[in-house]
């Protein structure tokens, strides 16, 4: 599955660029990579990010409404939430309350 692995590597490169205290969505990364219909595949990459030698801040990638949908992949039920709170995210009921204020759109922030 070389194509999938190459896509995952691109996802990890983008995720590593998300600034501290900011978040983005699976869909925003997929759209930036020219594959807008691949948000789920970005999620799979985030689920697998712990296998990377270089750290991937996967906790900064959430769904399009700011829900912490991947939190069960962080080794504890509150790890993702705690990491985000430590960076200034306000979270209630597994959702980032200040999502729109801290949202980082790679299509706007990164130059192709």
PDB file of N, CA and C in Angstrom:
ATOM      1  N   UNK A   1       0.827  -1.190   0.000  1.00  0.00           N
ATOM      2  CA  UNK A   1       0.000   0.000   0.000  1.00  0.00           C
ATOM      3  C   UNK A   1       0.872   1.255   0.000  1.00  0.00           C
ATOM      4  N   UNK A   2       1.745   1.337  -0.927  1.00  0.00           N
ATOM      5  CA  UNK A   2       2.670   2.461  -1.004  1.00  0.00           C
ATOM      6  C   UNK A   2       1.940   3.790  -1.111  1.00  0.00           C
ATOM      7  N   UNK A   3       0.859   3.850  -1.862  1.00  0.00           N
ATOM      8  CA  UNK A   3       0.118   5.090  -2.033  1.00  0.00           C
ATOM      9  C   UNK A   3      -0.422   5.590  -0.696  1.00  0.00           C
ATOM     10  N   UNK A   4      -0.988   4.693   0.116  1.00  0.00           N
ATOM     11  CA  UNK A   4      -1.507   5.058   1.431  1.00  0.00           C
ATOM     12  C   UNK A   4      -0.375   5.567   2.302  1.00  0.00           C
ATOM     13  N   UNK A   5       0.753   4.862   2.301  1.00  0.00           N
ATOM     14  CA  UNK A   5       1.882   5.269   3.130  1.00  0.00           C
ATOM     15  C   UNK A   5       2.383   6.654   2.724  1.00  0.00           C
ATOM     16  N   UNK A   6       2.434   6.931   1.446  1.00  0.00           N
ATOM     17  CA  UNK A   6       2.852   8.245   0.969  1.00  0.00           C
ATOM     18  C   UNK A   6       1.886   9.327   1.417  1.00  0.00           C
ATOM     19  N   UNK A   7       0.597   9.040   1.364  1.00  0.00           N
ATOM     20  CA  UNK A   7      -0.416   9.989   1.820  1.00  0.00           C
ATOM     21  C   UNK A   7      -0.269  10.220   3.319  1.00  0.00           C
ATOM     22  N   UNK A   8      -0.093   9.150   4.069  1.00  0.00           N
ATOM     23  CA  UNK A   8       0.087   9.277   5.522  1.00  0.00           C
ATOM     24  C   UNK A   8       1.298  10.165   5.829  1.00  0.00           C
ATOM     25  N   UNK A   9       2.388   9.978   5.107  1.00  0.00           N
ATOM     26  CA  UNK A   9       3.582  10.802   5.335  1.00  0.00           C
ATOM     27  C   UNK A   9       3.273  12.283   5.104  1.00  0.00           C
ATOM     28  N   UNK A  10       2.505  12.581   4.068  1.00  0.00           N
ATOM     29  CA  UNK A  10       2.115  13.970   3.807  1.00  0.00           C
ATOM     30  C   UNK A  10       1.237  14.505   4.933  1.00  0.00           C
ATOM     31  N   UNK A  11       0.330  13.681   5.420  1.00  0.00           N
ATOM     32  CA  UNK A  11      -0.531  14.073   6.541  1.00  0.00           C
ATOM     33  C   UNK A  11       0.325  14.408   7.759  1.00  0.00           C
ATOM     34  N   UNK A  12       1.308  13.567   8.052  1.00  0.00           N
ATOM     35  CA  UNK A  12       2.177  13.802   9.207  1.00  0.00           C
ATOM     36  C   UNK A  12       2.980  15.095   9.041  1.00  0.00           C
ATOM     37  N   UNK A  13       3.426  15.368   7.825  1.00  0.00           N
ATOM     38  CA  UNK A  13       4.181  16.602   7.577  1.00  0.00           C
ATOM     39  C   UNK A  13       3.315  17.823   7.887  1.00  0.00           C
ATOM     40  N   UNK A  14       2.068  17.798   7.453  1.00  0.00           N
ATOM     41  CA  UNK A  14       1.161  18.922   7.715  1.00  0.00           C
ATOM     42  C   UNK A  14       0.856  19.011   9.208  1.00  0.00           C
ATOM     43  N   UNK A  15       0.565  17.891   9.831  1.00  0.00           N
ATOM     44  CA  UNK A  15       0.217  17.895  11.259  1.00  0.00           C
ATOM     45  C   UNK A  15       1.367  18.462  12.098  1.00  0.00           C
ATOM     46  N   UNK A  16       2.585  18.187  11.713  1.00  0.00           N
ATOM     47  CA  UNK A  16       3.740  18.703  12.462  1.00  0.00           C
ATOM     48  C   UNK A  16       3.855  20.226  12.366  1.00  0.00           C
ATOM     49  N   UNK A  17       3.182  20.828  11.408  1.00  0.00           N
ATOM     50  CA  UNK A  17       3.229  22.278  11.221  1.00  0.00           C
ATOM     51  C   UNK A  17       2.142  23.016  11.994  1.00  0.00           C
ATOM     52  N   UNK A  18       1.203  22.291  12.578  1.00  0.00           N
ATOM     53  CA  UNK A  18       0.132  22.943  13.343  1.00  0.00           C
ATOM     54  C   UNK A  18       0.762  23.614  14.559  1.00  0.00           C
ATOM     55  N   UNK A  19       0.603  24.919  14.684  1.00  0.00           N
ATOM     56  CA  UNK A  19       1.236  25.615  15.801  1.00  0.00           C
ATOM     57  C   UNK A  19       0.659  25.215  17.161  1.00  0.00           C
ATOM     58  N   UNK A  20       1.489  25.325  18.172  1.00  0.00           N
ATOM     59  CA  UNK A  20       1.070  25.120  19.555  1.00  0.00           C
ATOM     60  C   UNK A  20      -0.135  26.021  19.835  1.00  0.00           C
ATOM     61  N   UNK A  21      -1.153  25.463  20.466  1.00  0.00           N
ATOM     62  CA  UNK A  21      -2.337  26.237  20.818  1.00  0.00           C
ATOM     63  C   UNK A  21      -3.367  26.363  19.713  1.00  0.00           C
ATOM     64  N   UNK A  22      -3.127  25.708  18.598  1.00  0.00           N
ATOM     65  CA  UNK A  22      -4.061  25.754  17.464  1.00  0.00           C
ATOM     66  C   UNK A  22      -4.507  24.332  17.139  1.00  0.00           C
ATOM     67  N   UNK A  23      -5.609  24.200  16.437  1.00  0.00           N
ATOM     68  CA  UNK A  23      -6.120  22.901  16.000  1.00  0.00           C
ATOM     69  C   UNK A  23      -6.571  23.006  14.560  1.00  0.00           C
ATOM     70  N   UNK A  24      -6.672  21.855  13.922  1.00  0.00           N
ATOM     71  CA  UNK A  24      -7.229  21.791  12.574  1.00  0.00           C
ATOM     72  C   UNK A  24      -8.114  20.558  12.501  1.00  0.00           C
ATOM     73  N   UNK A  25      -8.699  20.341  11.341  1.00  0.00           N
ATOM     74  CA  UNK A  25      -9.602  19.194  11.181  1.00  0.00           C
ATOM     75  C   UNK A  25      -9.040  18.194  10.182  1.00  0.00           C
ATOM     76  N   UNK A  26      -9.564  16.996  10.261  1.00  0.00           N
ATOM     77  CA  UNK A  26      -9.175  15.957   9.308  1.00  0.00           C
ATOM     78  C   UNK A  26      -9.447  16.444   7.886  1.00  0.00           C
ATOM     79  N   UNK A  27     -10.614  17.030   7.691  1.00  0.00           N
ATOM     80  CA  UNK A  27     -11.014  17.508   6.371  1.00  0.00           C
ATOM     81  C   UNK A  27     -10.143  18.633   5.842  1.00  0.00           C
ATOM     82  N   UNK A  28      -9.717  19.536   6.741  1.00  0.00           N
ATOM     83  CA  UNK A  28      -8.864  20.647   6.314  1.00  0.00           C
ATOM     84  C   UNK A  28      -7.516  20.136   5.809  1.00  0.00           C
ATOM     85  N   UNK A  29      -6.991  19.129   6.481  1.00  0.00           N
ATOM     86  CA  UNK A  29      -5.726  18.536   6.014  1.00  0.00           C
ATOM     87  C   UNK A  29      -5.944  17.835   4.680  1.00  0.00           C
ATOM     88  N   UNK A  30      -7.012  17.064   4.573  1.00  0.00           N
ATOM     89  CA  UNK A  30      -7.306  16.358   3.318  1.00  0.00           C
ATOM     90  C   UNK A  30      -7.466  17.340   2.164  1.00  0.00           C
ATOM     91  N   UNK A  31      -8.203  18.422   2.400  1.00  0.00           N
ATOM     92  CA  UNK A  31      -8.411  19.427   1.355  1.00  0.00           C
ATOM     93  C   UNK A  31      -7.095  20.073   0.952  1.00  0.00           C
ATOM     94  N   UNK A  32      -6.263  20.409   1.934  1.00  0.00           N
ATOM     95  CA  UNK A  32      -4.957  21.011   1.643  1.00  0.00           C
ATOM     96  C   UNK A  32      -4.110  20.084   0.774  1.00  0.00           C
ATOM     97  N   UNK A  33      -4.212  18.780   1.019  1.00  0.00           N
ATOM     98  CA  UNK A  33      -3.423  17.813   0.263  1.00  0.00           C
ATOM     99  C   UNK A  33      -4.042  17.466  -1.090  1.00  0.00           C
ATOM    100  N   UNK A  34      -5.134  18.159  -1.439  1.00  0.00           N
ATOM    101  CA  UNK A  34      -5.764  17.950  -2.746  1.00  0.00           C
ATOM    102  C   UNK A  34      -6.641  16.730  -2.819  1.00  0.00           C
ATOM    103  N   UNK A  35      -7.071  16.241  -1.669  1.00  0.00           N
ATOM    104  CA  UNK A  35      -7.895  15.043  -1.616  1.00  0.00           C
ATOM    105  C   UNK A  35      -9.035  15.260  -0.617  1.00  0.00           C
ATOM    106  N   UNK A  36      -9.889  16.225  -0.921  1.00  0.00           N
ATOM    107  CA  UNK A  36     -10.934  16.681   0.002  1.00  0.00           C
ATOM    108  C   UNK A  36     -11.836  15.557   0.509  1.00  0.00           C
ATOM    109  N   UNK A  37     -11.968  14.492  -0.256  1.00  0.00           N
ATOM    110  CA  UNK A  37     -12.834  13.387   0.160  1.00  0.00           C
ATOM    111  C   UNK A  37     -12.126  12.375   1.068  1.00  0.00           C
ATOM    112  N   UNK A  38     -10.917  12.686   1.480  1.00  0.00           N
ATOM    113  CA  UNK A  38     -10.113  11.726   2.239  1.00  0.00           C
ATOM    114  C   UNK A  38      -9.970  12.062   3.722  1.00  0.00           C
ATOM    115  N   UNK A  39     -10.937  12.759   4.296  1.00  0.00           N
ATOM    116  CA  UNK A  39     -10.862  13.113   5.721  1.00  0.00           C
ATOM    117  C   UNK A  39     -10.734  11.865   6.591  1.00  0.00           C
ATOM    118  N   UNK A  40     -11.458  10.822   6.251  1.00  0.00           N
ATOM    119  CA  UNK A  40     -11.385   9.588   7.034  1.00  0.00           C
ATOM    120  C   UNK A  40      -9.983   8.982   6.978  1.00  0.00           C
ATOM    121  N   UNK A  41      -9.344   9.077   5.820  1.00  0.00           N
ATOM    122  CA  UNK A  41      -7.992   8.552   5.686  1.00  0.00           C
ATOM    123  C   UNK A  41      -7.001   9.369   6.534  1.00  0.00           C
ATOM    124  N   UNK A  42      -7.248  10.674   6.642  1.00  0.00           N
ATOM    125  CA  UNK A  42      -6.432  11.510   7.530  1.00  0.00           C
ATOM    126  C   UNK A  42      -6.608  11.019   8.969  1.00  0.00           C
ATOM    127  N   UNK A  43      -7.842  10.680   9.325  1.00  0.00           N
ATOM    128  CA  UNK A  43      -8.102  10.123  10.659  1.00  0.00           C
ATOM    129  C   UNK A  43      -7.334   8.835  10.885  1.00  0.00           C
ATOM    130  N   UNK A  44      -7.300   7.978   9.894  1.00  0.00           N
ATOM    131  CA  UNK A  44      -6.538   6.720  10.025  1.00  0.00           C
ATOM    132  C   UNK A  44      -5.055   7.025  10.219  1.00  0.00           C
ATOM    133  N   UNK A  45      -4.564   8.024   9.495  1.00  0.00           N
ATOM    134  CA  UNK A  45      -3.157   8.411   9.660  1.00  0.00           C
ATOM    135  C   UNK A  45      -2.908   8.890  11.090  1.00  0.00           C
ATOM    136  N   UNK A  46      -3.820   9.692  11.630  1.00  0.00           N
ATOM    137  CA  UNK A  46      -3.655  10.178  13.001  1.00  0.00           C
ATOM    138  C   UNK A  46      -3.676   9.007  13.990  1.00  0.00           C
ATOM    139  N   UNK A  47      -4.544   8.038  13.746  1.00  0.00           N
ATOM    140  CA  UNK A  47      -4.619   6.858  14.622  1.00  0.00           C
ATOM    141  C   UNK A  47      -3.303   6.088  14.619  1.00  0.00           C
ATOM    142  N   UNK A  48      -2.568   6.172  13.525  1.00  0.00           N
ATOM    143  CA  UNK A  48      -1.318   5.440  13.356  1.00  0.00           C
ATOM    144  C   UNK A  48      -0.085   6.306  13.644  1.00  0.00           C
ATOM    145  N   UNK A  49      -0.295   7.558  14.006  1.00  0.00           N
ATOM    146  CA  UNK A  49       0.814   8.507  14.126  1.00  0.00           C
ATOM    147  C   UNK A  49       1.795   8.162  15.238  1.00  0.00           C
ATOM    148  N   UNK A  50       1.349   7.427  16.235  1.00  0.00           N
ATOM    149  CA  UNK A  50       2.238   7.061  17.344  1.00  0.00           C
ATOM    150  C   UNK A  50       3.385   6.154  16.903  1.00  0.00           C
ATOM    151  N   UNK A  51       3.293   5.592  15.703  1.00  0.00           N
ATOM    152  CA  UNK A  51       4.352   4.710  15.202  1.00  0.00           C
ATOM    153  C   UNK A  51       5.485   5.483  14.527  1.00  0.00           C
ATOM    154  N   UNK A  52       5.331   6.788  14.386  1.00  0.00           N
ATOM    155  CA  UNK A  52       6.333   7.599  13.696  1.00  0.00           C
ATOM    156  C   UNK A  52       7.524   7.900  14.594  1.00  0.00           C
ATOM    157  N   UNK A  53       8.700   7.921  14.005  1.00  0.00           N
ATOM    158  CA  UNK A  53       9.905   8.246  14.777  1.00  0.00           C
ATOM    159  C   UNK A  53       9.873   9.700  15.233  1.00  0.00           C
ATOM    160  N   UNK A  54       9.462  10.582  14.335  1.00  0.00           N
ATOM    161  CA  UNK A  54       9.349  12.008  14.670  1.00  0.00           C
ATOM    162  C   UNK A  54       7.942  12.281  15.204  1.00  0.00           C
ATOM    163  N   UNK A  55       7.864  13.009  16.301  1.00  0.00           N
ATOM    164  CA  UNK A  55       6.588  13.288  16.969  1.00  0.00           C
ATOM    165  C   UNK A  55       5.570  13.940  16.036  1.00  0.00           C
ATOM    166  N   UNK A  56       4.333  13.476  16.103  1.00  0.00           N
ATOM    167  CA  UNK A  56       3.213  14.042  15.368  1.00  0.00           C
ATOM    168  C   UNK A  56       2.191  14.514  16.408  1.00  0.00           C
ATOM    169  N   UNK A  57       1.882  15.808  16.460  1.00  0.00           N
ATOM    170  CA  UNK A  57       0.913  16.306  17.438  1.00  0.00           C
ATOM    171  C   UNK A  57      -0.528  15.994  17.022  1.00  0.00           C
ATOM    172  N   UNK A  58      -0.855  14.722  17.019  1.00  0.00           N
ATOM    173  CA  UNK A  58      -2.158  14.250  16.542  1.00  0.00           C
ATOM    174  C   UNK A  58      -3.312  14.801  17.374  1.00  0.00           C
ATOM    175  N   UNK A  59      -3.041  15.189  18.612  1.00  0.00           N
ATOM    176  CA  UNK A  59      -4.103  15.739  19.461  1.00  0.00           C
ATOM    177  C   UNK A  59      -4.656  17.050  18.909  1.00  0.00           C
ATOM    178  N   UNK A  60      -3.925  17.694  18.024  1.00  0.00           N
ATOM    179  CA  UNK A  60      -4.360  18.967  17.435  1.00  0.00           C
ATOM    180  C   UNK A  60      -5.244  18.781  16.207  1.00  0.00           C
ATOM    181  N   UNK A  61      -5.572  17.544  15.875  1.00  0.00           N
ATOM    182  CA  UNK A  61      -6.427  17.266  14.718  1.00  0.00           C
ATOM    183  C   UNK A  61      -7.741  16.666  15.226  1.00  0.00           C
ATOM    184  N   UNK A  62      -8.836  17.357  14.926  1.00  0.00           N
ATOM    185  CA  UNK A  62     -10.156  16.972  15.416  1.00  0.00           C
ATOM    186  C   UNK A  62     -11.144  16.948  14.248  1.00  0.00           C
ATOM    187  N   UNK A  63     -12.394  16.656  14.537  1.00  0.00           N
ATOM    188  CA  UNK A  63     -13.351  16.640  13.427  1.00  0.00           C
ATOM    189  C   UNK A  63     -13.794  18.065  13.080  1.00  0.00           C
ATOM    190  N   UNK A  64     -14.603  18.199  12.055  1.00  0.00           N
ATOM    191  CA  UNK A  64     -14.940  19.518  11.494  1.00  0.00           C
ATOM    192  C   UNK A  64     -15.734  20.418  12.426  1.00  0.00           C
ATOM    193  N   UNK A  65     -16.279  19.855  13.501  1.00  0.00           N
ATOM    194  CA  UNK A  65     -17.036  20.672  14.455  1.00  0.00           C
ATOM    195  C   UNK A  65     -16.272  20.870  15.766  1.00  0.00           C
ATOM    196  N   UNK A  66     -15.054  20.352  15.827  1.00  0.00           N
ATOM    197  CA  UNK A  66     -14.247  20.501  17.033  1.00  0.00           C
ATOM    198  C   UNK A  66     -14.423  19.390  18.049  1.00  0.00           C
ATOM    199  N   UNK A  67     -15.079  18.310  17.639  1.00  0.00           N
ATOM    200  CA  UNK A  67     -15.252  17.164  18.542  1.00  0.00           C
ATOM    201  C   UNK A  67     -13.951  16.373  18.629  1.00  0.00           C
ATOM    202  N   UNK A  68     -13.679  15.863  19.819  1.00  0.00           N
ATOM    203  CA  UNK A  68     -12.480  15.056  20.050  1.00  0.00           C
ATOM    204  C   UNK A  68     -12.770  13.600  19.697  1.00  0.00           C
ATOM    205  N   UNK A  69     -13.040  13.351  18.433  1.00  0.00           N
ATOM    206  CA  UNK A  69     -13.462  12.026  17.989  1.00  0.00           C
ATOM    207  C   UNK A  69     -12.362  10.975  18.091  1.00  0.00           C
ATOM    208  N   UNK A  70     -11.109  11.368  18.116  1.00  0.00           N
ATOM    209  CA  UNK A  70     -10.013  10.400  18.172  1.00  0.00           C
ATOM    210  C   UNK A  70      -9.443  10.191  19.559  1.00  0.00           C
ATOM    211  N   UNK A  71     -10.126  10.670  20.583  1.00  0.00           N
ATOM    212  CA  UNK A  71      -9.551  10.671  21.929  1.00  0.00           C
ATOM    213  C   UNK A  71      -9.237   9.288  22.470  1.00  0.00           C
ATOM    214  N   UNK A  72      -9.949   8.268  22.019  1.00  0.00           N
ATOM    215  CA  UNK A  72      -9.703   6.913  22.523  1.00  0.00           C
ATOM    216  C   UNK A  72      -8.387   6.321  22.009  1.00  0.00           C
ATOM    217  N   UNK A  73      -7.704   7.015  21.098  1.00  0.00           N
ATOM    218  CA  UNK A  73      -6.424   6.535  20.566  1.00  0.00           C
ATOM    219  C   UNK A  73      -5.220   7.087  21.324  1.00  0.00           C
ATOM    220  N   UNK A  74      -5.464   7.779  22.431  1.00  0.00           N
ATOM    221  CA  UNK A  74      -4.380   8.426  23.152  1.00  0.00           C
ATOM    222  C   UNK A  74      -3.982   7.726  24.443  1.00  0.00           C
ATOM    223  N   UNK A  75      -4.396   6.507  24.638  1.00  0.00           N
ATOM    224  CA  UNK A  75      -3.941   5.732  25.787  1.00  0.00           C
ATOM    225  C   UNK A  75      -4.664   6.015  27.081  1.00  0.00           C
ATOM    226  N   UNK A  76      -5.556   6.950  27.092  1.00  0.00           N
ATOM    227  CA  UNK A  76      -6.349   7.265  28.270  1.00  0.00           C
ATOM    228  C   UNK A  76      -7.495   8.156  27.850  1.00  0.00           C
ATOM    229  N   UNK A  77      -8.582   8.074  28.544  1.00  0.00           N
ATOM    230  CA  UNK A  77      -9.785   8.764  28.091  1.00  0.00           C
ATOM    231  C   UNK A  77      -9.657  10.285  28.099  1.00  0.00           C
ATOM    232  N   UNK A  78      -8.755  10.832  28.917  1.00  0.00           N
ATOM    233  CA  UNK A  78      -8.647  12.287  28.999  1.00  0.00           C
ATOM    234  C   UNK A  78      -7.324  12.844  28.466  1.00  0.00           C
ATOM    235  N   UNK A  79      -6.474  11.998  27.911  1.00  0.00           N
ATOM    236  CA  UNK A  79      -5.148  12.451  27.478  1.00  0.00           C
ATOM    237  C   UNK A  79      -5.252  13.521  26.388  1.00  0.00           C
ATOM    238  N   UNK A  80      -6.038  13.282  25.354  1.00  0.00           N
ATOM    239  CA  UNK A  80      -6.177  14.256  24.270  1.00  0.00           C
ATOM    240  C   UNK A  80      -6.738  15.567  24.806  1.00  0.00           C
ATOM    241  N   UNK A  81      -7.764  15.466  25.615  1.00  0.00           N
ATOM    242  CA  UNK A  81      -8.384  16.661  26.199  1.00  0.00           C
ATOM    243  C   UNK A  81      -7.379  17.431  27.050  1.00  0.00           C
ATOM    244  N   UNK A  82      -6.620  16.728  27.871  1.00  0.00           N
ATOM    245  CA  UNK A  82      -5.626  17.380  28.728  1.00  0.00           C
ATOM    246  C   UNK A  82      -4.546  18.080  27.905  1.00  0.00           C
ATOM    247  N   UNK A  83      -4.080  17.423  26.845  1.00  0.00           N
ATOM    248  CA  UNK A  83      -3.073  18.029  25.981  1.00  0.00           C
ATOM    249  C   UNK A  83      -3.594  19.326  25.358  1.00  0.00           C
ATOM    250  N   UNK A  84      -4.828  19.286  24.877  1.00  0.00           N
ATOM    251  CA  UNK A  84      -5.422  20.477  24.257  1.00  0.00           C
ATOM    252  C   UNK A  84      -5.660  21.583  25.281  1.00  0.00           C
ATOM    253  N   UNK A  85      -6.151  21.223  26.455  1.00  0.00           N
ATOM    254  CA  UNK A  85      -6.371  22.226  27.506  1.00  0.00           C
ATOM    255  C   UNK A  85      -5.061  22.890  27.900  1.00  0.00           C
ATOM    256  N   UNK A  86      -3.985  22.104  27.971  1.00  0.00           N
ATOM    257  CA  UNK A  86      -2.673  22.662  28.300  1.00  0.00           C
ATOM    258  C   UNK A  86      -2.203  23.676  27.263  1.00  0.00           C
ATOM    259  N   UNK A  87      -2.765  23.596  26.057  1.00  0.00           N
ATOM    260  CA  UNK A  87      -2.404  24.529  24.990  1.00  0.00           C
ATOM    261  C   UNK A  87      -3.427  25.659  24.849  1.00  0.00           C
ATOM    262  N   UNK A  88      -4.406  25.720  25.756  1.00  0.00           N
ATOM    263  CA  UNK A  88      -5.353  26.828  25.749  1.00  0.00           C
ATOM    264  C   UNK A  88      -6.724  26.544  25.178  1.00  0.00           C
ATOM    265  N   UNK A  89      -6.973  25.323  24.736  1.00  0.00           N
ATOM    266  CA  UNK A  89      -8.305  24.988  24.222  1.00  0.00           C
ATOM    267  C   UNK A  89      -9.288  24.909  25.385  1.00  0.00           C
ATOM    268  N   UNK A  90     -10.480  25.389  25.146  1.00  0.00           N
ATOM    269  CA  UNK A  90     -11.564  25.286  26.122  1.00  0.00           C
ATOM    270  C   UNK A  90     -12.457  24.142  25.653  1.00  0.00           C
ATOM    271  N   UNK A  91     -12.622  23.149  26.503  1.00  0.00           N
ATOM    272  CA  UNK A  91     -13.340  21.936  26.101  1.00  0.00           C
ATOM    273  C   UNK A  91     -14.479  21.646  27.068  1.00  0.00           C
ATOM    274  N   UNK A  92     -15.622  21.327  26.497  1.00  0.00           N
ATOM    275  CA  UNK A  92     -16.780  20.903  27.279  1.00  0.00           C
ATOM    276  C   UNK A  92     -17.455  19.756  26.537  1.00  0.00           C
ATOM    277  N   UNK A  93     -17.713  18.681  27.228  1.00  0.00           N
ATOM    278  CA  UNK A  93     -18.394  17.516  26.653  1.00  0.00           C
ATOM    279  C   UNK A  93     -17.727  17.040  25.367  1.00  0.00           C
ATOM    280  N   UNK A  94     -16.394  16.891  25.424  1.00  0.00           N
ATOM    281  CA  UNK A  94     -15.592  16.369  24.301  1.00  0.00           C
ATOM    282  C   UNK A  94     -15.610  17.254  23.062  1.00  0.00           C
ATOM    283  N   UNK A  95     -15.912  18.536  23.229  1.00  0.00           N
ATOM    284  CA  UNK A  95     -15.913  19.453  22.089  1.00  0.00           C
ATOM    285  C   UNK A  95     -15.144  20.719  22.455  1.00  0.00           C
ATOM    286  N   UNK A  96     -14.376  21.224  21.489  1.00  0.00           N
ATOM    287  CA  UNK A  96     -13.616  22.453  21.691  1.00  0.00           C
ATOM    288  C   UNK A  96     -14.581  23.628  21.557  1.00  0.00           C
ATOM    289  N   UNK A  97     -14.784  24.334  22.661  1.00  0.00           N
ATOM    290  CA  UNK A  97     -15.719  25.460  22.697  1.00  0.00           C
ATOM    291  C   UNK A  97     -15.193  26.630  21.866  1.00  0.00           C
ATOM    292  N   UNK A  98     -13.901  26.893  21.951  1.00  0.00           N
ATOM    293  CA  UNK A  98     -13.298  28.001  21.205  1.00  0.00           C
ATOM    294  C   UNK A  98     -12.687  27.537  19.873  1.00  0.00           C
ATOM    295  N   UNK A  99     -13.315  26.545  19.272  1.00  0.00           N
ATOM    296  CA  UNK A  99     -12.818  25.926  18.037  1.00  0.00           C
ATOM    297  C   UNK A  99     -12.543  26.954  16.948  1.00  0.00           C
ATOM    298  N   UNK A 100     -13.487  27.843  16.692  1.00  0.00           N
ATOM    299  CA  UNK A 100     -13.312  28.797  15.587  1.00  0.00           C
ATOM    300  C   UNK A 100     -12.197  29.806  15.863  1.00  0.00           C
ATOM    301  N   UNK A 101     -11.931  30.106  17.127  1.00  0.00           N
ATOM    302  CA  UNK A 101     -10.875  31.047  17.464  1.00  0.00           C
ATOM    303  C   UNK A 101      -9.482  30.427  17.305  1.00  0.00           C
ATOM    304  N   UNK A 102      -9.366  29.130  17.550  1.00  0.00           N
ATOM    305  CA  UNK A 102      -8.041  28.503  17.491  1.00  0.00           C
ATOM    306  C   UNK A 102      -7.849  27.623  16.252  1.00  0.00           C
ATOM    307  N   UNK A 103      -8.836  27.614  15.362  1.00  0.00           N
ATOM    308  CA  UNK A 103      -8.748  26.788  14.156  1.00  0.00           C
ATOM    309  C   UNK A 103      -7.628  27.292  13.253  1.00  0.00           C
ATOM    310  N   UNK A 104      -6.838  26.368  12.763  1.00  0.00           N
ATOM    311  CA  UNK A 104      -5.716  26.630  11.860  1.00  0.00           C
ATOM    312  C   UNK A 104      -6.005  25.931  10.543  1.00  0.00           C
ATOM    313  N   UNK A 105      -6.132  26.693   9.477  1.00  0.00           N
ATOM    314  CA  UNK A 105      -6.444  26.141   8.158  1.00  0.00           C
ATOM    315  C   UNK A 105      -5.163  26.080   7.329  1.00  0.00           C
ATOM    316  N   UNK A 106      -4.655  24.879   7.075  1.00  0.00           N
ATOM    317  CA  UNK A 106      -3.406  24.789   6.315  1.00  0.00           C
ATOM    318  C   UNK A 106      -3.499  25.420   4.937  1.00  0.00           C
ATOM    319  N   UNK A 107      -4.677  25.431   4.325  1.00  0.00           N
ATOM    320  CA  UNK A 107      -4.821  26.021   2.994  1.00  0.00           C
ATOM    321  C   UNK A 107      -4.579  27.534   3.033  1.00  0.00           C
ATOM    322  N   UNK A 108      -4.852  28.154   4.164  1.00  0.00           N
ATOM    323  CA  UNK A 108      -4.634  29.603   4.311  1.00  0.00           C
ATOM    324  C   UNK A 108      -3.271  29.917   4.918  1.00  0.00           C
ATOM    325  N   UNK A 109      -2.787  29.043   5.775  1.00  0.00           N
ATOM    326  CA  UNK A 109      -1.561  29.310   6.519  1.00  0.00           C
ATOM    327  C   UNK A 109      -0.292  28.844   5.821  1.00  0.00           C
ATOM    328  N   UNK A 110      -0.399  27.832   4.978  1.00  0.00           N
ATOM    329  CA  UNK A 110       0.770  27.283   4.297  1.00  0.00           C
ATOM    330  C   UNK A 110       0.744  27.652   2.822  1.00  0.00           C
ATOM    331  N   UNK A 111       1.864  27.944   2.304  1.00  0.00           N
ATOM    332  CA  UNK A 111       1.986  28.228   0.878  1.00  0.00           C
ATOM    333  C   UNK A 111       2.368  26.940   0.169  1.00  0.00           C
ATOM    334  N   UNK A 112       1.635  26.593  -0.848  1.00  0.00           N
ATOM    335  CA  UNK A 112       1.923  25.358  -1.596  1.00  0.00           C
ATOM    336  C   UNK A 112       3.235  25.428  -2.319  1.00  0.00           C
TER     337      UNK A 112
END
